[in-house]
Amino acid sequence: MSPDNELDLWRRQWQSENAIPFNLRRRVERQSRLMRIALLADILVTIVIGGGSIAWALRSPQPDIAALAAATWLFLAAAWFFRFRISRGNWSPAAVDTASFIDLSIRRCRASLAAVRFGAVLYAVQLAFCLGWIYHHAPQPKRPLLAWLFFGSLSIDIVWVATLAFFAGLIWHRRRKRAELAYLLELRNYDSSPICESR
């Protein structure tokens, strides 16, 4: 079904009855499942990365490893703080009606767009910190920083490829969510227009 036909179907159902359109309900339920999966993934990352950094710091005599573990937990804390902030009120609709489902979907789209911005900044800060830490602690003789950063080794090249893929994914996701948000705002605004209110 094309987006225009789906939008017209939702509008007709919205105006004719209180039932929530099936496609809208299914979309919200799928988003809710993905939110739960993402929460479990974040918990797993916290346990593995955060716990691993603490275990490494406890076993290592080097004080720099403790600083690395502290930085790791600082990044994790920032991510969790942001997650709680954007997830508040986005787990379920306020009521079981079409308007509440649309409002929830709009809030989720806006939260997702905010997460893209936060994720880009957090990734860049983590990347700068980690590359600086690795460069400072590299066992081999120091090469000039730019020569080390660009084509200095296969592992650094993989980091840059992964970074390009990460930011390409963010751009793709941002475009998709912006289009979805515009679509949902049009749907919500249509229902509140004077023509709809006079029907």
Foldseek 3Di string as FASTA:
>chain_A
DDLVVVLVVQLVDQLPDFAADPVLVVVLVVVLVVVVVVVVVLVVCCCCVLVVLVVCCVPDPDVVSVVVSVVVVVLSVVVVVLVCVLCVPLNDFPDRGHLSSLVSLLSVLVSLLVVLVVVVVSVVVVVVVVLVVCQVPPPDDHDPPVCCQPPVDPVSVVVVVVVVVVNVVSVVSNVVSVVVNVSSVVSNVVCVDPVNVVD
